């Protein structure tokens, strides 16, 4: 399951136990995205209106931007 806003997909993705081995062996550069794509039609999108689910926070800079946005929106 993954959150979705229209065609955009977000975080967190919830994985079933049956794909844990695939997650562990996924190429580092592709990560979990490769596993999600391999699951195809088994992926269930859960519609949401929470824009926060589509914000990537992979670096300190992205975290700072997300934190600033969150503080501004409160």
C-alpha atoms as a PDB file:
ATOM      1  CA  UNK A   1       0.000   0.000   0.000  1.00  0.00           C
ATOM      2  CA  UNK A   2       1.176   3.507  -0.747  1.00  0.00           C
ATOM      3  CA  UNK A   3      -0.385   6.924  -0.429  1.00  0.00           C
ATOM      4  CA  UNK A   4      -1.336   8.623  -3.681  1.00  0.00           C
ATOM      5  CA  UNK A   5      -2.392  12.086  -4.715  1.00  0.00           C
ATOM      6  CA  UNK A   6      -3.694  11.600  -8.226  1.00  0.00           C
ATOM      7  CA  UNK A   7      -0.811  10.083 -10.191  1.00  0.00           C
ATOM      8  CA  UNK A   8       1.818  11.026  -7.593  1.00  0.00           C
ATOM      9  CA  UNK A   9       2.860   8.359  -5.109  1.00  0.00           C
ATOM     10  CA  UNK A  10       4.182   9.030  -1.657  1.00  0.00           C
ATOM     11  CA  UNK A  11       5.454   7.702   1.639  1.00  0.00           C
ATOM     12  CA  UNK A  12       5.288   5.598   3.624  1.00  0.00           C
ATOM     13  CA  UNK A  13       4.889   2.465   1.553  1.00  0.00           C
ATOM     14  CA  UNK A  14       3.686  -0.528   3.543  1.00  0.00           C
ATOM     15  CA  UNK A  15       5.221  -3.808   2.388  1.00  0.00           C
ATOM     16  CA  UNK A  16       4.005  -7.317   3.060  1.00  0.00           C
ATOM     17  CA  UNK A  17       6.373  -9.859   4.520  1.00  0.00           C
ATOM     18  CA  UNK A  18       6.451 -11.735   1.201  1.00  0.00           C
ATOM     19  CA  UNK A  19       8.623  -9.015  -0.384  1.00  0.00           C
ATOM     20  CA  UNK A  20      11.148  -8.569   2.451  1.00  0.00           C
ATOM     21  CA  UNK A  21      13.808 -10.668   0.669  1.00  0.00           C
ATOM     22  CA  UNK A  22      13.332  -8.587  -2.491  1.00  0.00           C
ATOM     23  CA  UNK A  23      13.734  -5.405  -0.445  1.00  0.00           C
ATOM     24  CA  UNK A  24      16.943  -6.683   1.126  1.00  0.00           C
ATOM     25  CA  UNK A  25      18.426  -7.573  -2.251  1.00  0.00           C
ATOM     26  CA  UNK A  26      17.201  -4.540  -4.220  1.00  0.00           C
ATOM     27  CA  UNK A  27      19.921  -2.525  -5.958  1.00  0.00           C
ATOM     28  CA  UNK A  28      20.989   0.383  -3.746  1.00  0.00           C
ATOM     29  CA  UNK A  29      20.503   2.935  -6.526  1.00  0.00           C
ATOM     30  CA  UNK A  30      16.888   1.797  -7.097  1.00  0.00           C
ATOM     31  CA  UNK A  31      15.993   0.792  -3.554  1.00  0.00           C
ATOM     32  CA  UNK A  32      12.411  -0.019  -2.646  1.00  0.00           C
ATOM     33  CA  UNK A  33      11.159   1.645  -5.830  1.00  0.00           C
ATOM     34  CA  UNK A  34      12.376  -1.376  -7.818  1.00  0.00           C
ATOM     35  CA  UNK A  35      10.368  -3.694  -5.583  1.00  0.00           C
ATOM     36  CA  UNK A  36       7.232  -1.548  -5.872  1.00  0.00           C
ATOM     37  CA  UNK A  37       7.531  -1.610  -9.663  1.00  0.00           C
ATOM     38  CA  UNK A  38       8.084  -5.369  -9.670  1.00  0.00           C
ATOM     39  CA  UNK A  39       4.887  -5.863  -7.642  1.00  0.00           C
ATOM     40  CA  UNK A  40       2.843  -4.360 -10.483  1.00  0.00           C
ATOM     41  CA  UNK A  41      -0.914  -4.782 -10.010  1.00  0.00           C
ATOM     42  CA  UNK A  42      -0.501  -5.976  -6.420  1.00  0.00           C
ATOM     43  CA  UNK A  43       0.289  -2.408  -5.283  1.00  0.00           C
ATOM     44  CA  UNK A  44      -2.716  -0.724  -3.684  1.00  0.00           C
ATOM     45  CA  UNK A  45      -2.839   3.074  -3.868  1.00  0.00           C
ATOM     46  CA  UNK A  46      -4.579   4.813  -0.979  1.00  0.00           C
ATOM     47  CA  UNK A  47      -5.888   8.237  -2.030  1.00  0.00           C
ATOM     48  CA  UNK A  48      -5.011  11.099   0.294  1.00  0.00           C
ATOM     49  CA  UNK A  49      -4.919  14.877   0.172  1.00  0.00           C
ATOM     50  CA  UNK A  50      -1.857  15.105   2.440  1.00  0.00           C
ATOM     51  CA  UNK A  51       0.872  16.762   0.338  1.00  0.00           C
ATOM     52  CA  UNK A  52       3.386  15.777   3.006  1.00  0.00           C
ATOM     53  CA  UNK A  53       3.291  12.191   1.790  1.00  0.00           C
ATOM     54  CA  UNK A  54       4.944  13.254  -1.479  1.00  0.00           C
ATOM     55  CA  UNK A  55       7.852  15.187   0.013  1.00  0.00           C
ATOM     56  CA  UNK A  56      11.234  13.454  -0.266  1.00  0.00           C
ATOM     57  CA  UNK A  57      13.473  13.830   2.757  1.00  0.00           C
ATOM     58  CA  UNK A  58      16.676  12.020   1.823  1.00  0.00           C
ATOM     59  CA  UNK A  59      19.284  14.697   2.577  1.00  0.00           C
ATOM     60  CA  UNK A  60      19.861  17.275   5.306  1.00  0.00           C
ATOM     61  CA  UNK A  61      18.937  19.999   2.808  1.00  0.00           C
ATOM     62  CA  UNK A  62      15.622  18.346   1.950  1.00  0.00           C
ATOM     63  CA  UNK A  63      14.923  17.911   5.659  1.00  0.00           C
ATOM     64  CA  UNK A  64      15.569  21.618   6.290  1.00  0.00           C
ATOM     65  CA  UNK A  65      13.180  22.583   3.468  1.00  0.00           C
ATOM     66  CA  UNK A  66      10.494  20.201   4.739  1.00  0.00           C
ATOM     67  CA  UNK A  67      10.879  21.505   8.283  1.00  0.00           C
ATOM     68  CA  UNK A  68      10.635  25.116   7.095  1.00  0.00           C
ATOM     69  CA  UNK A  69       7.514  24.298   5.095  1.00  0.00           C
ATOM     70  CA  UNK A  70       5.930  22.480   8.038  1.00  0.00           C
ATOM     71  CA  UNK A  71       6.690  25.395  10.368  1.00  0.00           C
ATOM     72  CA  UNK A  72       5.246  27.886   7.859  1.00  0.00           C
ATOM     73  CA  UNK A  73       2.053  25.839   7.347  1.00  0.00           C
ATOM     74  CA  UNK A  74       1.258  25.530  11.062  1.00  0.00           C
END
